[in-house]
Amino acid sequence: MGRLIHFEIHVSDMERAMKFYGEVFGWSFQDWSDYAGMPYFGAVTGDEGQLGINGALMKRHGAPPEPGQAMNGFACTMGVDNYDETETKILSNGGQVALPKHALPGMAWQGYYLDPEGNIFGIHQPDENAK
């Protein structure tokens, strides 16, 4: 079985991306550039005992995605405690709405956003009362 164990977000501006993900989700970063041979910063996304995975920001090796372009990869979704507060942080730190907040009836609130680098990601707040 191939369980997802790591993710990589391709970015053009490493400092801007670290600031965005640090401010919005509280991630911290470790410089792994010497190991990777390129700008590469490990992303610590939560406590080791908490469900989830860590990943990295890596220097983009081409043009960023065009606005409105179809997905060409995976969309990562972050679990959040408060959807509306997280959306406010996303927007105030340079993110944009890609697909607005919507109910997954009886399960959660879900929505998708663009980070300042043009990458799509989701946020998900469990809520059995979502309608």
Protein backbone atom coordinates (compact mmCIF):
# COMPACT_ATOMS: atom_id res chain seq x y z
CA MET A 1 0.00 0.00 0.00
CA GLY A 2 1.38 3.45 -0.91
CA ARG A 3 0.50 5.84 1.92
CA LEU A 4 1.12 9.55 1.34
CA ILE A 5 4.08 10.52 3.55
CA HIS A 6 5.35 13.86 2.20
CA PHE A 7 4.23 16.74 0.00
CA GLU A 8 6.04 19.44 -1.95
CA ILE A 9 4.65 22.86 -2.88
CA HIS A 10 6.46 24.48 -5.82
CA VAL A 11 7.03 28.20 -5.28
CA SER A 12 8.66 31.10 -7.10
CA ASP A 13 9.20 33.33 -4.05
CA MET A 14 10.36 31.21 -1.08
CA GLU A 15 10.17 34.00 1.52
CA ARG A 16 6.65 35.00 0.46
CA ALA A 17 5.49 31.36 0.56
CA MET A 18 7.04 30.70 4.00
CA LYS A 19 5.40 33.86 5.36
CA PHE A 20 2.01 32.87 3.90
CA TYR A 21 1.95 29.28 5.21
CA GLY A 22 3.52 30.32 8.52
CA GLU A 23 0.98 33.11 9.12
CA VAL A 24 -2.10 31.21 7.92
CA PHE A 25 -1.44 27.70 9.27
CA GLY A 26 1.35 28.19 11.83
CA TRP A 27 3.83 26.03 9.91
CA SER A 28 7.54 26.29 10.67
CA PHE A 29 10.35 25.66 8.20
CA GLN A 30 13.78 24.03 8.19
CA ASP A 31 16.36 24.75 5.49
CA TRP A 32 17.10 21.46 3.70
CA SER A 33 18.66 23.15 0.64
CA ASP A 34 22.07 21.50 1.17
CA TYR A 35 20.45 18.04 1.02
CA ALA A 36 18.30 18.85 -2.01
CA GLY A 37 20.88 20.84 -3.97
CA MET A 38 18.33 23.63 -4.55
CA PRO A 39 16.20 25.99 -2.44
CA TYR A 40 14.14 23.50 -0.38
CA PHE A 41 12.55 24.18 3.01
CA GLY A 42 10.99 21.40 5.08
CA ALA A 43 7.53 22.30 6.38
CA VAL A 44 6.59 21.16 9.88
CA THR A 45 2.79 21.22 9.84
CA GLY A 46 1.95 20.02 13.35
CA ASP A 47 2.95 17.94 16.34
CA GLU A 48 4.38 14.48 15.65
CA GLY A 49 1.57 12.82 17.64
CA GLN A 50 -1.12 14.56 15.57
CA LEU A 51 -2.65 12.98 12.45
CA GLY A 52 -1.12 14.49 9.30
CA ILE A 53 2.10 14.73 7.31
CA ASN A 54 4.96 17.17 6.89
CA GLY A 55 6.25 18.38 3.55
CA ALA A 56 8.34 21.07 1.92
CA LEU A 57 8.42 24.22 -0.16
CA MET A 58 10.71 23.88 -3.14
CA LYS A 59 11.90 26.31 -5.79
CA ARG A 60 9.68 26.19 -8.88
CA HIS A 61 11.50 25.01 -12.03
CA GLY A 62 9.21 26.59 -14.59
CA ALA A 63 6.40 29.05 -15.06
CA PRO A 64 3.72 29.26 -12.35
CA PRO A 65 0.24 27.92 -13.13
CA GLU A 66 -1.92 30.15 -15.33
CA PRO A 67 -5.10 31.52 -13.70
CA GLY A 68 -8.08 29.30 -14.53
CA GLN A 69 -5.87 26.42 -15.65
CA ALA A 70 -7.04 22.90 -14.79
CA MET A 71 -5.30 21.13 -11.90
CA ASN A 72 -2.11 19.38 -12.89
CA GLY A 73 -1.14 17.57 -9.69
CA PHE A 74 -2.55 17.08 -6.23
CA ALA A 75 -4.52 19.55 -4.14
CA CYS A 76 -3.58 19.44 -0.47
CA THR A 77 -6.37 20.13 2.02
CA MET A 78 -5.65 21.37 5.54
CA GLY A 79 -7.92 20.54 8.43
CA VAL A 80 -8.90 23.66 10.40
CA ASP A 81 -10.79 24.32 13.62
CA ASN A 82 -12.53 27.48 12.39
CA TYR A 83 -13.20 27.86 8.67
CA ASP A 84 -14.13 31.54 8.70
CA GLU A 85 -11.11 32.62 10.78
CA THR A 86 -8.80 30.63 8.51
CA GLU A 87 -10.34 32.16 5.39
CA THR A 88 -9.78 35.63 6.84
CA LYS A 89 -6.09 34.79 7.42
CA ILE A 90 -5.76 33.41 3.89
CA LEU A 91 -7.24 36.52 2.28
CA SER A 92 -5.35 38.98 4.50
CA ASN A 93 -2.06 37.25 3.64
CA GLY A 94 -2.45 37.45 -0.14
CA GLY A 95 -4.50 34.33 -0.89
CA GLN A 96 -7.56 34.29 -3.15
CA VAL A 97 -10.78 32.26 -3.27
CA ALA A 98 -10.71 29.53 -5.95
CA LEU A 99 -13.94 27.71 -4.94
CA PRO A 100 -15.99 29.30 -2.14
CA LYS A 101 -16.96 27.68 1.15
CA HIS A 102 -19.57 24.98 0.67
CA ALA A 103 -21.19 22.31 2.81
CA LEU A 104 -20.37 18.66 2.55
CA PRO A 105 -23.77 17.89 4.09
CA GLY A 106 -23.60 16.25 7.48
CA MET A 107 -19.80 16.17 7.38
CA ALA A 108 -17.88 19.44 6.97
CA TRP A 109 -17.29 22.86 5.41
CA GLN A 110 -14.88 22.81 2.45
CA GLY A 111 -13.39 25.41 0.12
CA TYR A 112 -10.38 25.97 -2.13
CA TYR A 113 -7.95 28.88 -2.39
CA LEU A 114 -4.95 30.10 -4.35
CA ASP A 115 -1.80 30.85 -2.39
CA PRO A 116 0.29 33.89 -3.45
CA GLU A 117 2.34 31.52 -5.64
CA GLY A 118 -0.73 30.46 -7.69
CA ASN A 119 -1.09 26.99 -6.11
CA ILE A 120 -4.52 25.60 -5.20
CA PHE A 121 -5.14 24.20 -1.72
CA GLY A 122 -8.21 23.37 0.33
CA ILE A 123 -9.38 23.93 3.88
CA HIS A 124 -11.77 21.59 5.69
CA GLN A 125 -13.63 22.12 8.97
CA PRO A 126 -15.49 19.07 10.26
CA ASP A 127 -19.10 19.94 11.19
CA GLU A 128 -21.87 17.34 11.23
CA ASN A 129 -24.39 20.25 11.06
CA ALA A 130 -23.07 21.55 7.72
CA LYS A 131 -25.91 21.97 5.21
